[in-house]
Amino acid sequence: MPIFGNKFSLKKTPLRRKNLGGSKESLNELVSDDKTVHIKLGENEFLFERGDWIPQSGQDGINYKSKQKLKKKLQELEEENNLLRLKYEMILNMLTQTTAEGEIQKTEIEKSKNKRK
């Protein structure tokens, strides 16, 4: 055990209050209760959530919301398309199997007719 403490231990970095105006009120304005960051750049407001900057107002906000709706609809349609392709392949396999069984039965019937003659 070291005499003067562990030289590799990390020390907690103090908050930079110089950029925030030095008050806790300005810190509370940036970080809400759910620990999301809100920033206003000109007339546009942005929210940092789940690793992405999400526009909240202005033209970008409208475009972002419509893009999110379109992405969700696209994902639903892709999932439906995959399901329909799977169903199509299953029906095609069933048809192939039925056709093959029919051909086998047809050849067996012809063989039995030829044996009778």
PDB file of N, CA and C in Angstrom:
ATOM      1  N   MET A   1       0.843  -1.177   0.000  1.00  0.00           N
ATOM      2  CA  MET A   1       0.000   0.000   0.000  1.00  0.00           C
ATOM      3  C   MET A   1       0.891   1.244   0.000  1.00  0.00           C
ATOM      4  N   PRO A   2       0.645   2.159  -0.955  1.00  0.00           N
ATOM      5  CA  PRO A   2       1.488   3.339  -1.042  1.00  0.00           C
ATOM      6  C   PRO A   2       1.286   4.274   0.157  1.00  0.00           C
ATOM      7  N   ILE A   3       2.312   4.977   0.484  1.00  0.00           N
ATOM      8  CA  ILE A   3       2.274   5.878   1.635  1.00  0.00           C
ATOM      9  C   ILE A   3       1.444   7.131   1.334  1.00  0.00           C
ATOM     10  N   PHE A   4       1.628   7.701   0.154  1.00  0.00           N
ATOM     11  CA  PHE A   4       0.963   8.962  -0.165  1.00  0.00           C
ATOM     12  C   PHE A   4      -0.281   8.778  -1.030  1.00  0.00           C
ATOM     13  N   GLY A   5      -0.817   7.585  -1.138  1.00  0.00           N
ATOM     14  CA  GLY A   5      -2.019   7.344  -1.939  1.00  0.00           C
ATOM     15  C   GLY A   5      -1.670   6.724  -3.284  1.00  0.00           C
ATOM     16  N   ASN A   6      -2.651   6.308  -3.979  1.00  0.00           N
ATOM     17  CA  ASN A   6      -2.471   5.661  -5.274  1.00  0.00           C
ATOM     18  C   ASN A   6      -2.262   6.726  -6.344  1.00  0.00           C
ATOM     19  N   LYS A   7      -1.113   6.687  -6.999  1.00  0.00           N
ATOM     20  CA  LYS A   7      -0.830   7.715  -8.002  1.00  0.00           C
ATOM     21  C   LYS A   7      -1.624   7.489  -9.292  1.00  0.00           C
ATOM     22  N   PHE A   8      -2.247   6.310  -9.438  1.00  0.00           N
ATOM     23  CA  PHE A   8      -3.022   6.025 -10.642  1.00  0.00           C
ATOM     24  C   PHE A   8      -4.510   6.272 -10.460  1.00  0.00           C
ATOM     25  N   SER A   9      -4.929   6.679  -9.290  1.00  0.00           N
ATOM     26  CA  SER A   9      -6.358   6.910  -9.071  1.00  0.00           C
ATOM     27  C   SER A   9      -6.779   8.192  -9.785  1.00  0.00           C
ATOM     28  N   LEU A  10      -7.963   8.147 -10.369  1.00  0.00           N
ATOM     29  CA  LEU A  10      -8.477   9.294 -11.105  1.00  0.00           C
ATOM     30  C   LEU A  10      -9.117  10.286 -10.149  1.00  0.00           C
ATOM     31  N   LYS A  11      -8.887  11.541 -10.413  1.00  0.00           N
ATOM     32  CA  LYS A  11      -9.478  12.589  -9.591  1.00  0.00           C
ATOM     33  C   LYS A  11     -10.688  13.153 -10.328  1.00  0.00           C
ATOM     34  N   LYS A  12     -11.705  13.500  -9.585  1.00  0.00           N
ATOM     35  CA  LYS A  12     -12.914  14.038 -10.177  1.00  0.00           C
ATOM     36  C   LYS A  12     -12.632  15.443 -10.693  1.00  0.00           C
ATOM     37  N   THR A  13     -13.018  15.692 -11.942  1.00  0.00           N
ATOM     38  CA  THR A  13     -12.807  16.984 -12.562  1.00  0.00           C
ATOM     39  C   THR A  13     -13.906  17.947 -12.125  1.00  0.00           C
ATOM     40  N   PRO A  14     -13.558  19.134 -11.674  1.00  0.00           N
ATOM     41  CA  PRO A  14     -14.596  20.079 -11.260  1.00  0.00           C
ATOM     42  C   PRO A  14     -15.353  20.633 -12.468  1.00  0.00           C
ATOM     43  N   LEU A  15     -16.597  21.081 -12.237  1.00  0.00           N
ATOM     44  CA  LEU A  15     -17.395  21.668 -13.310  1.00  0.00           C
ATOM     45  C   LEU A  15     -16.751  22.968 -13.784  1.00  0.00           C
ATOM     46  N   ARG A  16     -16.870  23.240 -15.041  1.00  0.00           N
ATOM     47  CA  ARG A  16     -16.345  24.473 -15.607  1.00  0.00           C
ATOM     48  C   ARG A  16     -17.435  25.539 -15.512  1.00  0.00           C
ATOM     49  N   ARG A  17     -17.417  26.267 -14.487  1.00  0.00           N
ATOM     50  CA  ARG A  17     -18.457  27.262 -14.267  1.00  0.00           C
ATOM     51  C   ARG A  17     -18.160  28.567 -15.001  1.00  0.00           C
ATOM     52  N   LYS A  18     -16.953  28.705 -15.481  1.00  0.00           N
ATOM     53  CA  LYS A  18     -16.578  29.931 -16.175  1.00  0.00           C
ATOM     54  C   LYS A  18     -17.442  30.108 -17.433  1.00  0.00           C
ATOM     55  N   ASN A  19     -17.652  29.010 -18.209  1.00  0.00           N
ATOM     56  CA  ASN A  19     -18.437  29.085 -19.436  1.00  0.00           C
ATOM     57  C   ASN A  19     -19.928  29.194 -19.160  1.00  0.00           C
ATOM     58  N   LEU A  20     -20.376  28.759 -18.007  1.00  0.00           N
ATOM     59  CA  LEU A  20     -21.796  28.774 -17.689  1.00  0.00           C
ATOM     60  C   LEU A  20     -22.214  30.035 -16.949  1.00  0.00           C
ATOM     61  N   GLY A  21     -21.343  30.956 -16.782  1.00  0.00           N
ATOM     62  CA  GLY A  21     -21.686  32.177 -16.081  1.00  0.00           C
ATOM     63  C   GLY A  21     -21.488  32.055 -14.589  1.00  0.00           C
ATOM     64  N   GLY A  22     -21.005  30.932 -14.111  1.00  0.00           N
ATOM     65  CA  GLY A  22     -20.706  30.765 -12.710  1.00  0.00           C
ATOM     66  C   GLY A  22     -21.902  30.482 -11.826  1.00  0.00           C
ATOM     67  N   SER A  23     -23.081  30.306 -12.373  1.00  0.00           N
ATOM     68  CA  SER A  23     -24.239  30.052 -11.515  1.00  0.00           C
ATOM     69  C   SER A  23     -24.816  28.673 -11.795  1.00  0.00           C
ATOM     70  N   LYS A  24     -25.439  28.108 -10.773  1.00  0.00           N
ATOM     71  CA  LYS A  24     -26.077  26.802 -10.935  1.00  0.00           C
ATOM     72  C   LYS A  24     -27.346  26.905 -11.765  1.00  0.00           C
ATOM     73  N   GLU A  25     -27.947  28.081 -11.830  1.00  0.00           N
ATOM     74  CA  GLU A  25     -29.162  28.265 -12.620  1.00  0.00           C
ATOM     75  C   GLU A  25     -28.877  28.050 -14.091  1.00  0.00           C
ATOM     76  N   SER A  26     -27.761  28.578 -14.591  1.00  0.00           N
ATOM     77  CA  SER A  26     -27.432  28.401 -15.997  1.00  0.00           C
ATOM     78  C   SER A  26     -27.107  26.944 -16.296  1.00  0.00           C
ATOM     79  N   LEU A  27     -26.547  26.215 -15.340  1.00  0.00           N
ATOM     80  CA  LEU A  27     -26.302  24.789 -15.512  1.00  0.00           C
ATOM     81  C   LEU A  27     -27.627  24.040 -15.593  1.00  0.00           C
ATOM     82  N   ASN A  28     -28.572  24.416 -14.763  1.00  0.00           N
ATOM     83  CA  ASN A  28     -29.886  23.771 -14.779  1.00  0.00           C
ATOM     84  C   ASN A  28     -30.646  24.068 -16.061  1.00  0.00           C
ATOM     85  N   GLU A  29     -30.367  25.195 -16.698  1.00  0.00           N
ATOM     86  CA  GLU A  29     -31.006  25.502 -17.977  1.00  0.00           C
ATOM     87  C   GLU A  29     -30.518  24.568 -19.072  1.00  0.00           C
ATOM     88  N   LEU A  30     -29.237  24.220 -19.048  1.00  0.00           N
ATOM     89  CA  LEU A  30     -28.685  23.337 -20.078  1.00  0.00           C
ATOM     90  C   LEU A  30     -29.079  21.883 -19.863  1.00  0.00           C
ATOM     91  N   VAL A  31     -29.089  21.429 -18.627  1.00  0.00           N
ATOM     92  CA  VAL A  31     -29.372  20.032 -18.335  1.00  0.00           C
ATOM     93  C   VAL A  31     -30.696  19.959 -17.580  1.00  0.00           C
ATOM     94  N   SER A  32     -31.662  19.243 -18.161  1.00  0.00           N
ATOM     95  CA  SER A  32     -32.962  19.120 -17.512  1.00  0.00           C
ATOM     96  C   SER A  32     -32.939  17.962 -16.524  1.00  0.00           C
ATOM     97  N   ASP A  33     -34.093  17.662 -15.939  1.00  0.00           N
ATOM     98  CA  ASP A  33     -34.185  16.613 -14.930  1.00  0.00           C
ATOM     99  C   ASP A  33     -33.819  15.236 -15.478  1.00  0.00           C
ATOM    100  N   ASP A  34     -34.146  14.971 -16.743  1.00  0.00           N
ATOM    101  CA  ASP A  34     -33.849  13.655 -17.312  1.00  0.00           C
ATOM    102  C   ASP A  34     -32.466  13.598 -17.950  1.00  0.00           C
ATOM    103  N   LYS A  35     -31.623  14.572 -17.639  1.00  0.00           N
ATOM    104  CA  LYS A  35     -30.222  14.627 -18.078  1.00  0.00           C
ATOM    105  C   LYS A  35     -30.086  14.682 -19.600  1.00  0.00           C
ATOM    106  N   THR A  36     -30.941  15.439 -20.249  1.00  0.00           N
ATOM    107  CA  THR A  36     -30.789  15.690 -21.676  1.00  0.00           C
ATOM    108  C   THR A  36     -30.296  17.116 -21.852  1.00  0.00           C
ATOM    109  N   VAL A  37     -29.566  17.369 -22.921  1.00  0.00           N
ATOM    110  CA  VAL A  37     -28.981  18.673 -23.162  1.00  0.00           C
ATOM    111  C   VAL A  37     -29.811  19.397 -24.221  1.00  0.00           C
ATOM    112  N   HIS A  38     -30.191  20.634 -23.911  1.00  0.00           N
ATOM    113  CA  HIS A  38     -30.935  21.484 -24.838  1.00  0.00           C
ATOM    114  C   HIS A  38     -30.033  22.644 -25.250  1.00  0.00           C
ATOM    115  N   ILE A  39     -29.956  22.886 -26.562  1.00  0.00           N
ATOM    116  CA  ILE A  39     -29.136  23.987 -27.064  1.00  0.00           C
ATOM    117  C   ILE A  39     -29.956  24.778 -28.069  1.00  0.00           C
ATOM    118  N   LYS A  40     -29.828  26.098 -28.019  1.00  0.00           N
ATOM    119  CA  LYS A  40     -30.504  26.955 -28.982  1.00  0.00           C
ATOM    120  C   LYS A  40     -29.445  27.658 -29.809  1.00  0.00           C
ATOM    121  N   LEU A  41     -29.468  27.426 -31.120  1.00  0.00           N
ATOM    122  CA  LEU A  41     -28.537  28.068 -32.045  1.00  0.00           C
ATOM    123  C   LEU A  41     -29.357  28.923 -33.000  1.00  0.00           C
ATOM    124  N   GLY A  42     -29.332  30.193 -32.790  1.00  0.00           N
ATOM    125  CA  GLY A  42     -30.160  31.082 -33.608  1.00  0.00           C
ATOM    126  C   GLY A  42     -31.624  30.830 -33.298  1.00  0.00           C
ATOM    127  N   GLU A  43     -32.398  30.491 -34.323  1.00  0.00           N
ATOM    128  CA  GLU A  43     -33.809  30.203 -34.127  1.00  0.00           C
ATOM    129  C   GLU A  43     -34.075  28.710 -33.945  1.00  0.00           C
ATOM    130  N   ASN A  44     -33.054  27.898 -34.076  1.00  0.00           N
ATOM    131  CA  ASN A  44     -33.217  26.447 -33.970  1.00  0.00           C
ATOM    132  C   ASN A  44     -32.850  25.947 -32.586  1.00  0.00           C
ATOM    133  N   GLU A  45     -33.661  25.034 -32.078  1.00  0.00           N
ATOM    134  CA  GLU A  45     -33.380  24.383 -30.800  1.00  0.00           C
ATOM    135  C   GLU A  45     -33.075  22.918 -31.067  1.00  0.00           C
ATOM    136  N   PHE A  46     -32.078  22.389 -30.338  1.00  0.00           N
ATOM    137  CA  PHE A  46     -31.675  21.000 -30.488  1.00  0.00           C
ATOM    138  C   PHE A  46     -31.676  20.316 -29.133  1.00  0.00           C
ATOM    139  N   LEU A  47     -31.943  19.019 -29.154  1.00  0.00           N
ATOM    140  CA  LEU A  47     -31.969  18.201 -27.951  1.00  0.00           C
ATOM    141  C   LEU A  47     -31.038  17.019 -28.179  1.00  0.00           C
ATOM    142  N   PHE A  48     -30.126  16.780 -27.234  1.00  0.00           N
ATOM    143  CA  PHE A  48     -29.219  15.634 -27.337  1.00  0.00           C
ATOM    144  C   PHE A  48     -29.830  14.486 -26.567  1.00  0.00           C
ATOM    145  N   GLU A  49     -30.202  13.415 -27.296  1.00  0.00           N
ATOM    146  CA  GLU A  49     -30.896  12.296 -26.681  1.00  0.00           C
ATOM    147  C   GLU A  49     -30.436  11.004 -27.333  1.00  0.00           C
ATOM    148  N   ARG A  50     -30.051  10.047 -26.519  1.00  0.00           N
ATOM    149  CA  ARG A  50     -29.601   8.725 -26.979  1.00  0.00           C
ATOM    150  C   ARG A  50     -28.500   8.820 -28.024  1.00  0.00           C
ATOM    151  N   GLY A  51     -27.592   9.762 -27.861  1.00  0.00           N
ATOM    152  CA  GLY A  51     -26.439   9.862 -28.747  1.00  0.00           C
ATOM    153  C   GLY A  51     -26.687  10.620 -30.031  1.00  0.00           C
ATOM    154  N   ASP A  52     -27.866  11.224 -30.194  1.00  0.00           N
ATOM    155  CA  ASP A  52     -28.184  11.970 -31.415  1.00  0.00           C
ATOM    156  C   ASP A  52     -28.680  13.364 -31.067  1.00  0.00           C
ATOM    157  N   TRP A  53     -28.355  14.311 -31.937  1.00  0.00           N
ATOM    158  CA  TRP A  53     -28.894  15.657 -31.800  1.00  0.00           C
ATOM    159  C   TRP A  53     -30.208  15.703 -32.560  1.00  0.00           C
ATOM    160  N   ILE A  54     -31.279  16.043 -31.854  1.00  0.00           N
ATOM    161  CA  ILE A  54     -32.612  16.051 -32.447  1.00  0.00           C
ATOM    162  C   ILE A  54     -33.096  17.493 -32.510  1.00  0.00           C
ATOM    163  N   PRO A  55     -33.400  17.997 -33.730  1.00  0.00           N
ATOM    164  CA  PRO A  55     -33.924  19.359 -33.835  1.00  0.00           C
ATOM    165  C   PRO A  55     -35.336  19.423 -33.244  1.00  0.00           C
ATOM    166  N   GLN A  56     -35.607  20.464 -32.467  1.00  0.00           N
ATOM    167  CA  GLN A  56     -36.901  20.608 -31.814  1.00  0.00           C
ATOM    168  C   GLN A  56     -37.767  21.673 -32.461  1.00  0.00           C
ATOM    169  N   SER A  57     -37.160  22.665 -33.092  1.00  0.00           N
ATOM    170  CA  SER A  57     -37.957  23.739 -33.684  1.00  0.00           C
ATOM    171  C   SER A  57     -37.315  24.170 -34.988  1.00  0.00           C
ATOM    172  N   GLY A  58     -38.033  24.991 -35.708  1.00  0.00           N
ATOM    173  CA  GLY A  58     -37.525  25.491 -36.975  1.00  0.00           C
ATOM    174  C   GLY A  58     -37.775  24.483 -38.094  1.00  0.00           C
ATOM    175  N   GLN A  59     -37.263  24.787 -39.265  1.00  0.00           N
ATOM    176  CA  GLN A  59     -37.464  23.935 -40.443  1.00  0.00           C
ATOM    177  C   GLN A  59     -36.822  22.565 -40.252  1.00  0.00           C
ATOM    178  N   ASP A  60     -35.673  22.509 -39.579  1.00  0.00           N
ATOM    179  CA  ASP A  60     -34.988  21.233 -39.345  1.00  0.00           C
ATOM    180  C   ASP A  60     -35.834  20.307 -38.485  1.00  0.00           C
ATOM    181  N   GLY A  61     -36.548  20.857 -37.520  1.00  0.00           N
ATOM    182  CA  GLY A  61     -37.399  20.045 -36.647  1.00  0.00           C
ATOM    183  C   GLY A  61     -38.515  19.381 -37.414  1.00  0.00           C
ATOM    184  N   ILE A  62     -39.112  20.111 -38.347  1.00  0.00           N
ATOM    185  CA  ILE A  62     -40.199  19.554 -39.168  1.00  0.00           C
ATOM    186  C   ILE A  62     -39.649  18.465 -40.072  1.00  0.00           C
ATOM    187  N   ASN A  63     -38.519  18.740 -40.719  1.00  0.00           N
ATOM    188  CA  ASN A  63     -37.902  17.739 -41.592  1.00  0.00           C
ATOM    189  C   ASN A  63     -37.495  16.503 -40.814  1.00  0.00           C
ATOM    190  N   TYR A  64     -36.953  16.695 -39.618  1.00  0.00           N
ATOM    191  CA  TYR A  64     -36.500  15.560 -38.812  1.00  0.00           C
ATOM    192  C   TYR A  64     -37.680  14.665 -38.442  1.00  0.00           C
ATOM    193  N   LYS A  65     -38.775  15.277 -38.005  1.00  0.00           N
ATOM    194  CA  LYS A  65     -39.944  14.483 -37.615  1.00  0.00           C
ATOM    195  C   LYS A  65     -40.520  13.723 -38.801  1.00  0.00           C
ATOM    196  N   SER A  66     -40.598  14.358 -39.960  1.00  0.00           N
ATOM    197  CA  SER A  66     -41.125  13.661 -41.137  1.00  0.00           C
ATOM    198  C   SER A  66     -40.165  12.554 -41.577  1.00  0.00           C
ATOM    199  N   LYS A  67     -38.855  12.791 -41.454  1.00  0.00           N
ATOM    200  CA  LYS A  67     -37.881  11.745 -41.792  1.00  0.00           C
ATOM    201  C   LYS A  67     -38.007  10.556 -40.850  1.00  0.00           C
ATOM    202  N   GLN A  68     -38.236  10.831 -39.555  1.00  0.00           N
ATOM    203  CA  GLN A  68     -38.391   9.736 -38.590  1.00  0.00           C
ATOM    204  C   GLN A  68     -39.637   8.913 -38.911  1.00  0.00           C
ATOM    205  N   LYS A  69     -40.737   9.576 -39.276  1.00  0.00           N
ATOM    206  CA  LYS A  69     -41.958   8.855 -39.644  1.00  0.00           C
ATOM    207  C   LYS A  69     -41.722   8.004 -40.884  1.00  0.00           C
ATOM    208  N   LEU A  70     -41.021   8.573 -41.872  1.00  0.00           N
ATOM    209  CA  LEU A  70     -40.737   7.825 -43.093  1.00  0.00           C
ATOM    210  C   LEU A  70     -39.815   6.641 -42.827  1.00  0.00           C
ATOM    211  N   LYS A  71     -38.820   6.827 -41.950  1.00  0.00           N
ATOM    212  CA  LYS A  71     -37.928   5.721 -41.606  1.00  0.00           C
ATOM    213  C   LYS A  71     -38.694   4.589 -40.929  1.00  0.00           C
ATOM    214  N   LYS A  72     -39.611   4.956 -40.031  1.00  0.00           N
ATOM    215  CA  LYS A  72     -40.414   3.948 -39.342  1.00  0.00           C
ATOM    216  C   LYS A  72     -41.301   3.207 -40.336  1.00  0.00           C
ATOM    217  N   LYS A  73     -41.936   3.933 -41.244  1.00  0.00           N
ATOM    218  CA  LYS A  73     -42.801   3.312 -42.263  1.00  0.00           C
ATOM    219  C   LYS A  73     -41.968   2.414 -43.180  1.00  0.00           C
ATOM    220  N   LEU A  74     -40.771   2.860 -43.553  1.00  0.00           N
ATOM    221  CA  LEU A  74     -39.878   2.061 -44.400  1.00  0.00           C
ATOM    222  C   LEU A  74     -39.503   0.755 -43.714  1.00  0.00           C
ATOM    223  N   GLN A  75     -39.183   0.829 -42.423  1.00  0.00           N
ATOM    224  CA  GLN A  75     -38.822  -0.382 -41.682  1.00  0.00           C
ATOM    225  C   GLN A  75     -40.002  -1.349 -41.618  1.00  0.00           C
ATOM    226  N   GLU A  76     -41.212  -0.827 -41.380  1.00  0.00           N
ATOM    227  CA  GLU A  76     -42.400  -1.683 -41.348  1.00  0.00           C
ATOM    228  C   GLU A  76     -42.629  -2.351 -42.696  1.00  0.00           C
ATOM    229  N   LEU A  77     -42.460  -1.582 -43.782  1.00  0.00           N
ATOM    230  CA  LEU A  77     -42.663  -2.140 -45.119  1.00  0.00           C
ATOM    231  C   LEU A  77     -41.597  -3.184 -45.459  1.00  0.00           C
ATOM    232  N   GLU A  78     -40.353  -2.946 -45.027  1.00  0.00           N
ATOM    233  CA  GLU A  78     -39.298  -3.934 -45.272  1.00  0.00           C
ATOM    234  C   GLU A  78     -39.583  -5.229 -44.520  1.00  0.00           C
ATOM    235  N   GLU A  79     -40.070  -5.111 -43.275  1.00  0.00           N
ATOM    236  CA  GLU A  79     -40.412  -6.314 -42.513  1.00  0.00           C
ATOM    237  C   GLU A  79     -41.564  -7.068 -43.169  1.00  0.00           C
ATOM    238  N   GLU A  80     -42.574  -6.323 -43.643  1.00  0.00           N
ATOM    239  CA  GLU A  80     -43.695  -6.962 -44.327  1.00  0.00           C
ATOM    240  C   GLU A  80     -43.228  -7.625 -45.621  1.00  0.00           C
ATOM    241  N   ASN A  81     -42.346  -6.955 -46.340  1.00  0.00           N
ATOM    242  CA  ASN A  81     -41.804  -7.512 -47.581  1.00  0.00           C
ATOM    243  C   ASN A  81     -41.035  -8.803 -47.311  1.00  0.00           C
ATOM    244  N   ASN A  82     -40.228  -8.820 -46.260  1.00  0.00           N
ATOM    245  CA  ASN A  82     -39.481 -10.036 -45.906  1.00  0.00           C
ATOM    246  C   ASN A  82     -40.426 -11.176 -45.551  1.00  0.00           C
ATOM    247  N   LEU A  83     -41.501 -10.857 -44.821  1.00  0.00           N
ATOM    248  CA  LEU A  83     -42.479 -11.880 -44.460  1.00  0.00           C
ATOM    249  C   LEU A  83     -43.166 -12.430 -45.705  1.00  0.00           C
ATOM    250  N   LEU A  84     -43.534 -11.563 -46.636  1.00  0.00           N
ATOM    251  CA  LEU A  84     -44.184 -12.014 -47.869  1.00  0.00           C
ATOM    252  C   LEU A  84     -43.239 -12.851 -48.726  1.00  0.00           C
ATOM    253  N   ARG A  85     -41.960 -12.485 -48.753  1.00  0.00           N
ATOM    254  CA  ARG A  85     -40.991 -13.299 -49.501  1.00  0.00           C
ATOM    255  C   ARG A  85     -40.858 -14.689 -48.884  1.00  0.00           C
ATOM    256  N   LEU A  86     -40.845 -14.750 -47.569  1.00  0.00           N
ATOM    257  CA  LEU A  86     -40.762 -16.031 -46.883  1.00  0.00           C
ATOM    258  C   LEU A  86     -41.989 -16.882 -47.198  1.00  0.00           C
ATOM    259  N   LYS A  87     -43.173 -16.278 -47.146  1.00  0.00           N
ATOM    260  CA  LYS A  87     -44.398 -17.007 -47.473  1.00  0.00           C
ATOM    261  C   LYS A  87     -44.377 -17.491 -48.923  1.00  0.00           C
ATOM    262  N   TYR A  88     -43.900 -16.642 -49.831  1.00  0.00           N
ATOM    263  CA  TYR A  88     -43.810 -17.006 -51.245  1.00  0.00           C
ATOM    264  C   TYR A  88     -42.898 -18.215 -51.440  1.00  0.00           C
ATOM    265  N   GLU A  89     -41.746 -18.192 -50.778  1.00  0.00           N
ATOM    266  CA  GLU A  89     -40.817 -19.327 -50.894  1.00  0.00           C
ATOM    267  C   GLU A  89     -41.426 -20.603 -50.321  1.00  0.00           C
ATOM    268  N   MET A  90     -42.148 -20.487 -49.215  1.00  0.00           N
ATOM    269  CA  MET A  90     -42.784 -21.669 -48.624  1.00  0.00           C
ATOM    270  C   MET A  90     -43.835 -22.245 -49.565  1.00  0.00           C
ATOM    271  N   ILE A  91     -44.657 -21.396 -50.151  1.00  0.00           N
ATOM    272  CA  ILE A  91     -45.689 -21.870 -51.083  1.00  0.00           C
ATOM    273  C   ILE A  91     -45.048 -22.476 -52.321  1.00  0.00           C
ATOM    274  N   LEU A  92     -43.985 -21.874 -52.809  1.00  0.00           N
ATOM    275  CA  LEU A  92     -43.281 -22.416 -53.974  1.00  0.00           C
ATOM    276  C   LEU A  92     -42.693 -23.785 -53.659  1.00  0.00           C
ATOM    277  N   ASN A  93     -42.121 -23.960 -52.471  1.00  0.00           N
ATOM    278  CA  ASN A  93     -41.593 -25.263 -52.060  1.00  0.00           C
ATOM    279  C   ASN A  93     -42.707 -26.300 -51.940  1.00  0.00           C
ATOM    280  N   MET A  94     -43.843 -25.887 -51.379  1.00  0.00           N
ATOM    281  CA  MET A  94     -44.975 -26.813 -51.255  1.00  0.00           C
ATOM    282  C   MET A  94     -45.491 -27.230 -52.627  1.00  0.00           C
ATOM    283  N   LEU A  95     -45.564 -26.284 -53.555  1.00  0.00           N
ATOM    284  CA  LEU A  95     -46.007 -26.588 -54.914  1.00  0.00           C
ATOM    285  C   LEU A  95     -45.030 -27.527 -55.610  1.00  0.00           C
ATOM    286  N   THR A  96     -43.748 -27.292 -55.428  1.00  0.00           N
ATOM    287  CA  THR A  96     -42.729 -28.155 -56.024  1.00  0.00           C
ATOM    288  C   THR A  96     -42.837 -29.574 -55.469  1.00  0.00           C
ATOM    289  N   GLN A  97     -43.019 -29.673 -54.158  1.00  0.00           N
ATOM    290  CA  GLN A  97     -43.149 -30.986 -53.528  1.00  0.00           C
ATOM    291  C   GLN A  97     -44.399 -31.713 -54.028  1.00  0.00           C
ATOM    292  N   THR A  98     -45.526 -31.014 -54.118  1.00  0.00           N
ATOM    293  CA  THR A  98     -46.766 -31.623 -54.599  1.00  0.00           C
ATOM    294  C   THR A  98     -46.619 -32.066 -56.049  1.00  0.00           C
ATOM    295  N   THR A  99     -45.987 -31.251 -56.878  1.00  0.00           N
ATOM    296  CA  THR A  99     -45.775 -31.605 -58.284  1.00  0.00           C
ATOM    297  C   THR A  99     -44.883 -32.836 -58.398  1.00  0.00           C
ATOM    298  N   ALA A 100     -43.819 -32.874 -57.594  1.00  0.00           N
ATOM    299  CA  ALA A 100     -42.909 -34.028 -57.631  1.00  0.00           C
ATOM    300  C   ALA A 100     -43.640 -35.297 -57.189  1.00  0.00           C
ATOM    301  N   GLU A 101     -44.461 -35.201 -56.121  1.00  0.00           N
ATOM    302  CA  GLU A 101     -45.214 -36.368 -55.663  1.00  0.00           C
ATOM    303  C   GLU A 101     -46.211 -36.826 -56.721  1.00  0.00           C
ATOM    304  N   GLY A 102     -46.830 -35.866 -57.415  1.00  0.00           N
ATOM    305  CA  GLY A 102     -47.761 -36.204 -58.497  1.00  0.00           C
ATOM    306  C   GLY A 102     -47.056 -36.930 -59.639  1.00  0.00           C
ATOM    307  N   GLU A 103     -45.870 -36.467 -59.982  1.00  0.00           N
ATOM    308  CA  GLU A 103     -45.100 -37.111 -61.059  1.00  0.00           C
ATOM    309  C   GLU A 103     -44.694 -38.524 -60.653  1.00  0.00           C
ATOM    310  N   ILE A 104     -44.310 -38.698 -59.396  1.00  0.00           N
ATOM    311  CA  ILE A 104     -43.932 -40.035 -58.914  1.00  0.00           C
ATOM    312  C   ILE A 104     -45.139 -40.967 -58.979  1.00  0.00           C
ATOM    313  N   GLN A 105     -46.299 -40.496 -58.546  1.00  0.00           N
ATOM    314  CA  GLN A 105     -47.510 -41.310 -58.592  1.00  0.00           C
ATOM    315  C   GLN A 105     -47.871 -41.652 -60.030  1.00  0.00           C
ATOM    316  N   LYS A 106     -47.704 -40.683 -60.933  1.00  0.00           N
ATOM    317  CA  LYS A 106     -48.018 -40.911 -62.342  1.00  0.00           C
ATOM    318  C   LYS A 106     -47.120 -42.005 -62.916  1.00  0.00           C
ATOM    319  N   THR A 107     -45.814 -41.944 -62.602  1.00  0.00           N
ATOM    320  CA  THR A 107     -44.901 -42.973 -63.120  1.00  0.00           C
ATOM    321  C   THR A 107     -45.209 -44.337 -62.505  1.00  0.00           C
ATOM    322  N   GLU A 108     -45.611 -44.387 -61.233  1.00  0.00           N
ATOM    323  CA  GLU A 108     -45.971 -45.659 -60.592  1.00  0.00           C
ATOM    324  C   GLU A 108     -47.221 -46.251 -61.217  1.00  0.00           C
ATOM    325  N   ILE A 109     -48.185 -45.405 -61.537  1.00  0.00           N
ATOM    326  CA  ILE A 109     -49.416 -45.890 -62.195  1.00  0.00           C
ATOM    327  C   ILE A 109     -49.085 -46.453 -63.567  1.00  0.00           C
ATOM    328  N   GLU A 110     -48.227 -45.755 -64.321  1.00  0.00           N
ATOM    329  CA  GLU A 110     -47.844 -46.243 -65.647  1.00  0.00           C
ATOM    330  C   GLU A 110     -47.080 -47.561 -65.541  1.00  0.00           C
ATOM    331  N   LYS A 111     -46.224 -47.722 -64.540  1.00  0.00           N
ATOM    332  CA  LYS A 111     -45.487 -48.962 -64.346  1.00  0.00           C
ATOM    333  C   LYS A 111     -46.439 -50.100 -64.013  1.00  0.00           C
ATOM    334  N   SER A 112     -47.425 -49.815 -63.154  1.00  0.00           N
ATOM    335  CA  SER A 112     -48.378 -50.880 -62.800  1.00  0.00           C
ATOM    336  C   SER A 112     -49.242 -51.272 -63.985  1.00  0.00           C
ATOM    337  N   LYS A 113     -49.579 -50.307 -64.855  1.00  0.00           N
ATOM    338  CA  LYS A 113     -50.353 -50.620 -66.073  1.00  0.00           C
ATOM    339  C   LYS A 113     -49.517 -51.474 -67.019  1.00  0.00           C
ATOM    340  N   ASN A 114     -48.236 -51.136 -67.137  1.00  0.00           N
ATOM    341  CA  ASN A 114     -47.356 -51.895 -68.028  1.00  0.00           C
ATOM    342  C   ASN A 114     -47.131 -53.317 -67.512  1.00  0.00           C
ATOM    343  N   LYS A 115     -47.123 -53.541 -66.214  1.00  0.00           N
ATOM    344  CA  LYS A 115     -46.942 -54.880 -65.642  1.00  0.00           C
ATOM    345  C   LYS A 115     -48.173 -55.732 -65.908  1.00  0.00           C
ATOM    346  N   ARG A 116     -49.359 -55.161 -65.928  1.00  0.00           N
ATOM    347  CA  ARG A 116     -50.584 -55.901 -66.167  1.00  0.00           C
ATOM    348  C   ARG A 116     -50.674 -56.392 -67.598  1.00  0.00           C
ATOM    349  N   LYS A 117     -50.087 -55.700 -68.496  1.00  0.00           N
ATOM    350  CA  LYS A 117     -50.196 -56.076 -69.903  1.00  0.00           C
ATOM    351  C   LYS A 117     -49.331 -57.208 -70.212  1.00  0.00           C
TER     352      LYS A 117
END
